[in-house]
């Protein structure tokens, strides 16, 4: 996750060398990184608060860990770590810290038969327009307001590309690689494009 956000060689000190001042959103991102680039506990050299949290979220995703299991794991880790540590206490605090990265994730309901997604013009539909399957599971639970909860039968996670590209351009470590097609296009040949590890897509120009 940190690789996606700030690049593999991101250095907080590089912010001071930026020639152009960042906009408000970028500044918020840099401030968050600077604040989170702290030792997990005094003397810890292996992880900062941010790298620790990112690793936890990666494990949760790779192992399909439930929020309850995640909280229990955090509770166990807290029992092991020194008292003056900066580890989050639960899943909610973990998400709160990472939210400042500006990498949104959208949950979109889907047809359980994979016919369609409920998005844009179809966002308000309650049945699939192809197979007529209900959008929601049969659920008898009621919310606190007394209304029946509507639980989607299936959903997907959409990771918007634009903010992730913006983060790659914002990082000094990856900005040059992102601009490679423009800065080195004059020397382009299909052979050196394939050999260049920074750009794996052939560029065809008319």
Protein backbone atom coordinates (compact mmCIF):
# COMPACT_ATOMS: atom_id res chain seq x y z
CA UNK A 1 0.00 0.00 0.00
CA UNK A 2 2.80 2.40 0.82
CA UNK A 3 4.35 1.52 -2.53
CA UNK A 4 1.09 2.52 -4.26
CA UNK A 5 0.80 5.72 -2.30
CA UNK A 6 4.25 7.22 -2.15
CA UNK A 7 6.58 5.13 -4.25
CA UNK A 8 9.22 2.58 -3.25
CA UNK A 9 11.85 5.14 -2.22
CA UNK A 10 9.69 7.84 -0.69
CA UNK A 11 11.55 10.06 1.75
CA UNK A 12 9.78 12.56 3.96
CA UNK A 13 12.80 14.87 3.68
CA UNK A 14 12.25 15.12 -0.08
CA UNK A 15 9.18 17.28 0.61
CA UNK A 16 11.47 20.16 1.56
CA UNK A 17 13.12 19.99 -1.88
CA UNK A 18 9.89 20.37 -3.86
CA UNK A 19 10.20 23.39 -6.18
CA UNK A 20 6.45 23.99 -6.48
CA UNK A 21 4.30 24.17 -3.37
CA UNK A 22 1.73 21.33 -3.19
CA UNK A 23 -1.99 22.02 -3.41
CA UNK A 24 -4.18 21.62 -0.35
CA UNK A 25 -4.93 17.93 -0.96
CA UNK A 26 -1.29 17.08 -1.62
CA UNK A 27 -0.22 19.07 1.44
CA UNK A 28 -2.68 17.13 3.58
CA UNK A 29 -1.18 13.91 2.21
CA UNK A 30 2.40 15.02 2.95
CA UNK A 31 1.44 16.19 6.43
CA UNK A 32 -0.15 12.81 7.11
CA UNK A 33 2.97 10.97 5.96
CA UNK A 34 5.21 13.20 8.05
CA UNK A 35 3.04 12.67 11.13
CA UNK A 36 2.88 8.92 10.61
CA UNK A 37 6.60 8.52 9.92
CA UNK A 38 7.32 7.86 13.56
CA UNK A 39 8.84 4.87 15.28
CA UNK A 40 6.23 2.32 16.28
CA UNK A 41 7.70 2.61 19.76
CA UNK A 42 10.84 4.42 20.96
CA UNK A 43 13.80 2.51 19.58
CA UNK A 44 11.86 0.47 16.99
CA UNK A 45 13.88 0.37 13.76
CA UNK A 46 11.89 -2.12 11.67
CA UNK A 47 8.56 -0.32 11.37
CA UNK A 48 7.08 3.14 11.51
CA UNK A 49 3.46 3.61 12.54
CA UNK A 50 2.46 3.92 8.90
CA UNK A 51 4.39 0.88 7.62
CA UNK A 52 3.00 -1.25 10.47
CA UNK A 53 -0.58 -0.26 9.73
CA UNK A 54 -0.11 -0.80 6.00
CA UNK A 55 1.29 -4.29 6.66
CA UNK A 56 -1.68 -5.14 8.88
CA UNK A 57 -4.15 -4.08 6.21
CA UNK A 58 -2.25 -6.08 3.60
CA UNK A 59 -2.48 -9.20 5.79
CA UNK A 60 -6.18 -8.63 6.34
CA UNK A 61 -6.80 -8.40 2.62
CA UNK A 62 -4.60 -11.35 1.59
CA UNK A 63 -6.10 -13.68 4.19
CA UNK A 64 -9.71 -12.49 3.96
CA UNK A 65 -9.65 -11.61 7.64
CA UNK A 66 -12.88 -10.45 9.29
CA UNK A 67 -12.97 -7.22 11.29
CA UNK A 68 -13.53 -9.23 14.46
CA UNK A 69 -10.45 -11.37 13.78
CA UNK A 70 -8.47 -8.24 12.94
CA UNK A 71 -9.46 -6.59 16.24
CA UNK A 72 -8.51 -9.72 18.18
CA UNK A 73 -5.13 -9.83 16.47
CA UNK A 74 -4.55 -6.15 17.31
CA UNK A 75 -5.51 -6.85 20.92
CA UNK A 76 -2.91 -9.63 21.10
CA UNK A 77 -0.24 -7.45 19.50
CA UNK A 78 -0.97 -4.67 21.99
CA UNK A 79 -0.33 -7.12 24.85
CA UNK A 80 3.12 -7.83 23.40
CA UNK A 81 4.26 -4.33 22.41
CA UNK A 82 5.65 -1.78 24.89
CA UNK A 83 3.04 0.46 26.50
CA UNK A 84 4.23 3.62 24.72
CA UNK A 85 3.58 2.23 21.23
CA UNK A 86 1.70 3.94 18.38
CA UNK A 87 -0.12 0.86 17.11
CA UNK A 88 -3.88 1.33 16.51
CA UNK A 89 -6.30 -0.29 18.96
CA UNK A 90 -8.78 -1.64 16.41
CA UNK A 91 -9.81 -1.79 12.77
CA UNK A 92 -11.63 1.55 12.94
CA UNK A 93 -8.49 3.42 14.05
CA UNK A 94 -6.48 1.64 11.35
CA UNK A 95 -8.85 2.80 8.63
CA UNK A 96 -8.90 6.31 10.10
CA UNK A 97 -5.11 6.58 9.80
CA UNK A 98 -5.01 5.30 6.23
CA UNK A 99 -7.93 7.47 5.12
CA UNK A 100 -5.56 10.43 4.93
CA UNK A 101 -3.73 8.79 2.05
CA UNK A 102 -6.53 9.85 -0.25
CA UNK A 103 -6.87 6.45 -1.90
CA UNK A 104 -10.64 5.89 -1.88
CA UNK A 105 -12.35 2.54 -2.32
CA UNK A 106 -15.93 2.37 -3.56
CA UNK A 107 -18.25 -0.51 -2.71
CA UNK A 108 -20.65 -1.30 -5.56
CA UNK A 109 -23.51 -3.79 -5.34
CA UNK A 110 -23.57 -6.52 -8.01
CA UNK A 111 -26.00 -9.08 -9.31
CA UNK A 112 -25.20 -12.43 -7.61
CA UNK A 113 -25.23 -14.02 -11.10
CA UNK A 114 -22.62 -11.51 -12.34
CA UNK A 115 -25.01 -9.98 -14.85
CA UNK A 116 -24.54 -6.34 -13.90
CA UNK A 117 -23.43 -3.83 -11.29
CA UNK A 118 -25.73 -1.30 -9.62
CA UNK A 119 -23.92 1.85 -10.66
CA UNK A 120 -24.68 5.24 -12.21
CA UNK A 121 -28.08 5.01 -13.96
CA UNK A 122 -28.73 1.59 -12.40
CA UNK A 123 -27.76 2.57 -8.85
CA UNK A 124 -31.36 2.64 -7.58
CA UNK A 125 -32.54 -0.66 -9.08
CA UNK A 126 -33.56 -3.41 -6.64
CA UNK A 127 -33.59 -6.30 -9.15
CA UNK A 128 -31.24 -7.32 -11.93
CA UNK A 129 -32.50 -6.00 -15.28
CA UNK A 130 -31.22 -9.14 -17.02
CA UNK A 131 -32.14 -12.09 -14.78
CA UNK A 132 -34.56 -10.32 -12.40
CA UNK A 133 -32.70 -11.63 -9.33
CA UNK A 134 -33.10 -9.55 -6.21
CA UNK A 135 -30.28 -7.17 -5.40
CA UNK A 136 -30.57 -7.89 -1.67
CA UNK A 137 -30.43 -10.97 0.51
CA UNK A 138 -33.52 -12.17 2.36
CA UNK A 139 -32.96 -10.64 5.76
CA UNK A 140 -35.26 -10.41 8.75
CA UNK A 141 -32.99 -8.21 10.84
CA UNK A 142 -34.10 -4.72 11.70
CA UNK A 143 -31.96 -1.62 12.10
CA UNK A 144 -32.05 0.65 15.15
CA UNK A 145 -34.65 2.81 13.41
CA UNK A 146 -36.98 -0.20 13.10
CA UNK A 147 -36.56 -0.54 9.33
CA UNK A 148 -35.53 -3.81 7.76
CA UNK A 149 -31.87 -3.90 6.79
CA UNK A 150 -31.13 -4.34 3.11
CA UNK A 151 -27.97 -6.41 2.73
CA UNK A 152 -26.61 -6.68 -0.82
CA UNK A 153 -26.35 -10.23 -2.12
CA UNK A 154 -22.99 -9.45 -3.70
CA UNK A 155 -20.69 -6.45 -3.95
CA UNK A 156 -17.41 -5.47 -5.55
CA UNK A 157 -14.65 -3.06 -4.57
CA UNK A 158 -13.66 -0.38 -7.07
CA UNK A 159 -10.28 1.33 -6.69
CA UNK A 160 -10.37 4.66 -8.62
CA UNK A 161 -7.26 5.02 -10.76
CA UNK A 162 -6.91 8.83 -10.83
CA UNK A 163 -5.90 9.41 -7.17
CA UNK A 164 -3.40 6.55 -7.38
CA UNK A 165 -1.78 8.07 -10.46
CA UNK A 166 -1.68 11.43 -8.67
CA UNK A 167 0.23 9.83 -5.80
CA UNK A 168 2.78 8.36 -8.22
CA UNK A 169 3.33 11.78 -9.77
CA UNK A 170 3.53 13.38 -6.30
CA UNK A 171 6.41 11.16 -5.25
CA UNK A 172 9.90 12.23 -6.29
CA UNK A 173 10.89 8.56 -6.43
CA UNK A 174 8.34 7.65 -9.12
CA UNK A 175 7.55 10.92 -10.95
CA UNK A 176 10.46 10.52 -13.40
CA UNK A 177 9.37 6.98 -14.25
CA UNK A 178 5.81 8.17 -14.85
CA UNK A 179 7.11 10.81 -17.31
CA UNK A 180 9.45 8.43 -19.14
CA UNK A 181 7.30 8.11 -22.32
CA UNK A 182 7.40 11.91 -22.77
CA UNK A 183 11.00 12.60 -21.76
CA UNK A 184 12.52 9.70 -23.70
CA UNK A 185 10.07 9.32 -26.58
CA UNK A 186 12.64 10.67 -29.07
CA UNK A 187 14.87 7.67 -28.49
CA UNK A 188 11.99 5.20 -28.57
CA UNK A 189 12.29 1.90 -30.42
CA UNK A 190 10.24 -1.25 -29.76
CA UNK A 191 13.40 -3.00 -28.59
CA UNK A 192 14.47 -0.51 -25.91
CA UNK A 193 10.87 -0.18 -24.73
CA UNK A 194 10.76 -3.89 -23.97
CA UNK A 195 14.09 -3.69 -22.21
CA UNK A 196 13.17 -0.72 -20.07
CA UNK A 197 11.87 -2.06 -16.71
CA UNK A 198 9.98 1.18 -16.05
CA UNK A 199 7.67 0.95 -19.05
CA UNK A 200 6.19 -2.35 -20.16
CA UNK A 201 3.66 -1.10 -22.70
CA UNK A 202 4.58 -0.59 -26.35
CA UNK A 203 3.89 2.91 -27.61
CA UNK A 204 2.52 3.13 -31.12
CA UNK A 205 2.51 6.51 -32.80
CA UNK A 206 0.88 7.29 -36.10
